[in-house]
Amino acid sequence: MTFKQIKRFFILLIGGTITLIGVVLIVLPGPAFIVIPIGLSILATEFIWARKILDKVKDRIQRSKDSFSKKV
């Protein structure tokens, strides 16, 4: 294995684990809405699919903030 493959594996392992913990925290009490984007951010450093998902999450957060600020 090359260094790049090893790096991608560990990023997948760490980012995937953090994202999975965030998904579990959706059901359990905890800050899932913070943990999931952190895991996706780690994954997005090496994987385009994670970057696309992260961009969608950021867009939804921004729309929610805009909607909330209009109501206040």
N, C-alpha and C. Protein backbone atom coordinates (compact mmCIF):
# COMPACT_ATOMS: atom_id res chain seq x y z
N MET A 1 0.84 -1.18 0.00
CA MET A 1 0.00 0.00 0.00
C MET A 1 0.88 1.24 0.00
N THR A 2 0.42 2.23 -0.73
CA THR A 2 1.16 3.49 -0.76
C THR A 2 0.73 4.35 0.42
N PHE A 3 1.49 5.41 0.64
CA PHE A 3 1.18 6.34 1.73
C PHE A 3 -0.20 6.96 1.52
N LYS A 4 -0.52 7.32 0.28
CA LYS A 4 -1.82 7.95 0.00
C LYS A 4 -2.97 6.99 0.31
N GLN A 5 -2.82 5.72 -0.02
CA GLN A 5 -3.87 4.74 0.28
C GLN A 5 -4.04 4.55 1.78
N ILE A 6 -2.94 4.53 2.50
CA ILE A 6 -3.00 4.40 3.96
C ILE A 6 -3.68 5.62 4.57
N LYS A 7 -3.32 6.80 4.07
CA LYS A 7 -3.92 8.04 4.55
C LYS A 7 -5.43 8.04 4.31
N ARG A 8 -5.84 7.66 3.10
CA ARG A 8 -7.27 7.61 2.77
C ARG A 8 -8.01 6.60 3.66
N PHE A 9 -7.37 5.47 3.95
CA PHE A 9 -7.98 4.47 4.81
C PHE A 9 -8.23 5.03 6.20
N PHE A 10 -7.22 5.70 6.78
CA PHE A 10 -7.38 6.23 8.13
C PHE A 10 -8.38 7.38 8.17
N ILE A 11 -8.42 8.19 7.12
CA ILE A 11 -9.43 9.25 7.06
C ILE A 11 -10.82 8.64 6.97
N LEU A 12 -10.96 7.60 6.17
CA LEU A 12 -12.25 6.90 6.08
C LEU A 12 -12.63 6.28 7.42
N LEU A 13 -11.68 5.68 8.09
CA LEU A 13 -11.94 5.05 9.38
C LEU A 13 -12.35 6.09 10.44
N ILE A 14 -11.58 7.15 10.56
CA ILE A 14 -11.86 8.16 11.58
C ILE A 14 -13.13 8.95 11.25
N GLY A 15 -13.21 9.46 10.01
CA GLY A 15 -14.38 10.23 9.61
C GLY A 15 -15.65 9.40 9.62
N GLY A 16 -15.54 8.17 9.17
CA GLY A 16 -16.70 7.28 9.17
C GLY A 16 -17.18 6.96 10.57
N THR A 17 -16.24 6.75 11.47
CA THR A 17 -16.59 6.46 12.86
C THR A 17 -17.29 7.65 13.50
N ILE A 18 -16.76 8.84 13.30
CA ILE A 18 -17.37 10.04 13.88
C ILE A 18 -18.75 10.28 13.29
N THR A 19 -18.88 10.10 11.98
CA THR A 19 -20.19 10.26 11.34
C THR A 19 -21.18 9.23 11.86
N LEU A 20 -20.74 8.01 12.02
CA LEU A 20 -21.61 6.95 12.55
C LEU A 20 -22.04 7.26 13.98
N ILE A 21 -21.14 7.77 14.78
CA ILE A 21 -21.50 8.18 16.15
C ILE A 21 -22.56 9.28 16.09
N GLY A 22 -22.40 10.22 15.16
CA GLY A 22 -23.40 11.27 15.00
C GLY A 22 -24.76 10.73 14.62
N VAL A 23 -24.78 9.74 13.75
CA VAL A 23 -26.05 9.12 13.35
C VAL A 23 -26.69 8.43 14.55
N VAL A 24 -25.90 7.77 15.36
CA VAL A 24 -26.43 7.13 16.58
C VAL A 24 -26.98 8.18 17.53
N LEU A 25 -26.34 9.35 17.57
CA LEU A 25 -26.79 10.41 18.47
C LEU A 25 -28.10 11.05 18.01
N ILE A 26 -28.55 10.75 16.80
CA ILE A 26 -29.87 11.23 16.39
C ILE A 26 -30.93 10.58 17.27
N VAL A 27 -30.74 9.31 17.58
CA VAL A 27 -31.70 8.57 18.40
C VAL A 27 -31.43 8.79 19.88
N LEU A 28 -30.17 8.78 20.26
CA LEU A 28 -29.79 8.98 21.65
C LEU A 28 -29.63 10.48 21.93
N PRO A 29 -29.70 10.86 23.20
CA PRO A 29 -29.50 12.27 23.51
C PRO A 29 -28.03 12.66 23.27
N GLY A 30 -27.86 13.67 22.48
CA GLY A 30 -26.51 14.14 22.18
C GLY A 30 -26.51 15.11 21.02
N PRO A 31 -25.39 15.74 20.77
CA PRO A 31 -25.31 16.79 19.74
C PRO A 31 -25.07 16.23 18.33
N ALA A 32 -26.01 15.49 17.81
CA ALA A 32 -25.84 14.87 16.48
C ALA A 32 -25.63 15.92 15.40
N PHE A 33 -26.31 17.07 15.52
CA PHE A 33 -26.20 18.09 14.49
C PHE A 33 -24.83 18.76 14.47
N ILE A 34 -24.02 18.51 15.46
CA ILE A 34 -22.64 19.00 15.47
C ILE A 34 -21.68 17.89 15.05
N VAL A 35 -21.91 16.69 15.53
CA VAL A 35 -20.99 15.58 15.30
C VAL A 35 -21.00 15.12 13.84
N ILE A 36 -22.17 15.04 13.23
CA ILE A 36 -22.25 14.57 11.84
C ILE A 36 -21.47 15.48 10.89
N PRO A 37 -21.64 16.81 10.94
CA PRO A 37 -20.82 17.66 10.05
C PRO A 37 -19.32 17.56 10.31
N ILE A 38 -18.93 17.31 11.55
CA ILE A 38 -17.50 17.13 11.84
C ILE A 38 -16.98 15.89 11.13
N GLY A 39 -17.71 14.79 11.24
CA GLY A 39 -17.31 13.57 10.55
C GLY A 39 -17.28 13.74 9.04
N LEU A 40 -18.29 14.42 8.50
CA LEU A 40 -18.31 14.66 7.06
C LEU A 40 -17.17 15.58 6.62
N SER A 41 -16.81 16.53 7.47
CA SER A 41 -15.68 17.42 7.14
C SER A 41 -14.38 16.64 7.04
N ILE A 42 -14.21 15.70 7.93
CA ILE A 42 -13.01 14.86 7.88
C ILE A 42 -13.02 14.02 6.61
N LEU A 43 -14.15 13.42 6.31
CA LEU A 43 -14.26 12.60 5.09
C LEU A 43 -14.08 13.44 3.83
N ALA A 44 -14.56 14.68 3.86
CA ALA A 44 -14.50 15.55 2.68
C ALA A 44 -13.09 15.95 2.31
N THR A 45 -12.13 15.75 3.20
CA THR A 45 -10.75 16.08 2.85
C THR A 45 -10.20 15.13 1.80
N GLU A 46 -10.80 13.94 1.66
CA GLU A 46 -10.30 12.95 0.70
C GLU A 46 -11.35 12.43 -0.27
N PHE A 47 -12.63 12.58 0.05
CA PHE A 47 -13.67 11.96 -0.76
C PHE A 47 -14.65 13.00 -1.29
N ILE A 48 -14.84 13.01 -2.60
CA ILE A 48 -15.73 13.98 -3.24
C ILE A 48 -17.18 13.76 -2.82
N TRP A 49 -17.60 12.51 -2.68
CA TRP A 49 -18.98 12.24 -2.29
C TRP A 49 -19.31 12.84 -0.93
N ALA A 50 -18.34 12.82 -0.02
CA ALA A 50 -18.56 13.40 1.31
C ALA A 50 -18.63 14.92 1.22
N ARG A 51 -17.83 15.50 0.32
CA ARG A 51 -17.86 16.95 0.13
C ARG A 51 -19.22 17.40 -0.39
N LYS A 52 -19.80 16.62 -1.30
CA LYS A 52 -21.12 16.96 -1.83
C LYS A 52 -22.18 16.89 -0.75
N ILE A 53 -22.13 15.87 0.07
CA ILE A 53 -23.09 15.74 1.18
C ILE A 53 -22.90 16.89 2.16
N LEU A 54 -21.65 17.21 2.47
CA LEU A 54 -21.37 18.30 3.41
C LEU A 54 -21.88 19.62 2.86
N ASP A 55 -21.73 19.86 1.57
CA ASP A 55 -22.26 21.09 0.97
C ASP A 55 -23.77 21.16 1.11
N LYS A 56 -24.46 20.04 0.93
CA LYS A 56 -25.91 20.01 1.10
C LYS A 56 -26.29 20.30 2.55
N VAL A 57 -25.54 19.73 3.49
CA VAL A 57 -25.81 19.96 4.91
C VAL A 57 -25.60 21.44 5.24
N LYS A 58 -24.52 22.02 4.74
CA LYS A 58 -24.26 23.44 4.99
C LYS A 58 -25.38 24.31 4.41
N ASP A 59 -25.85 23.96 3.22
CA ASP A 59 -26.93 24.71 2.59
C ASP A 59 -28.21 24.63 3.41
N ARG A 60 -28.53 23.45 3.90
CA ARG A 60 -29.74 23.30 4.72
C ARG A 60 -29.62 24.07 6.03
N ILE A 61 -28.44 24.06 6.62
CA ILE A 61 -28.24 24.81 7.86
C ILE A 61 -28.43 26.30 7.60
N GLN A 62 -27.88 26.79 6.50
CA GLN A 62 -28.01 28.20 6.16
C GLN A 62 -29.48 28.57 5.92
N ARG A 63 -30.21 27.71 5.20
CA ARG A 63 -31.63 27.98 4.96
C ARG A 63 -32.41 27.98 6.27
N SER A 64 -32.06 27.09 7.18
CA SER A 64 -32.74 27.05 8.48
C SER A 64 -32.45 28.31 9.28
N LYS A 65 -31.20 28.75 9.24
CA LYS A 65 -30.85 29.99 9.95
C LYS A 65 -31.59 31.18 9.35
N ASP A 66 -31.67 31.24 8.03
CA ASP A 66 -32.38 32.34 7.38
C ASP A 66 -33.86 32.32 7.72
N SER A 67 -34.45 31.14 7.72
CA SER A 67 -35.86 31.00 8.04
C SER A 67 -36.13 31.40 9.49
N PHE A 68 -35.24 31.00 10.38
CA PHE A 68 -35.40 31.34 11.80
C PHE A 68 -35.27 32.84 12.02
N SER A 69 -34.30 33.47 11.34
CA SER A 69 -34.09 34.90 11.54
C SER A 69 -35.26 35.72 10.98
N LYS A 70 -35.96 35.22 9.96
CA LYS A 70 -37.14 35.91 9.44
C LYS A 70 -38.29 35.85 10.43
N LYS A 71 -38.38 34.77 11.19
CA LYS A 71 -39.46 34.61 12.16
C LYS A 71 -39.23 35.46 13.40
N VAL A 72 -37.99 35.77 13.70
CA VAL A 72 -37.68 36.51 14.93
C VAL A 72 -37.76 37.97 14.71
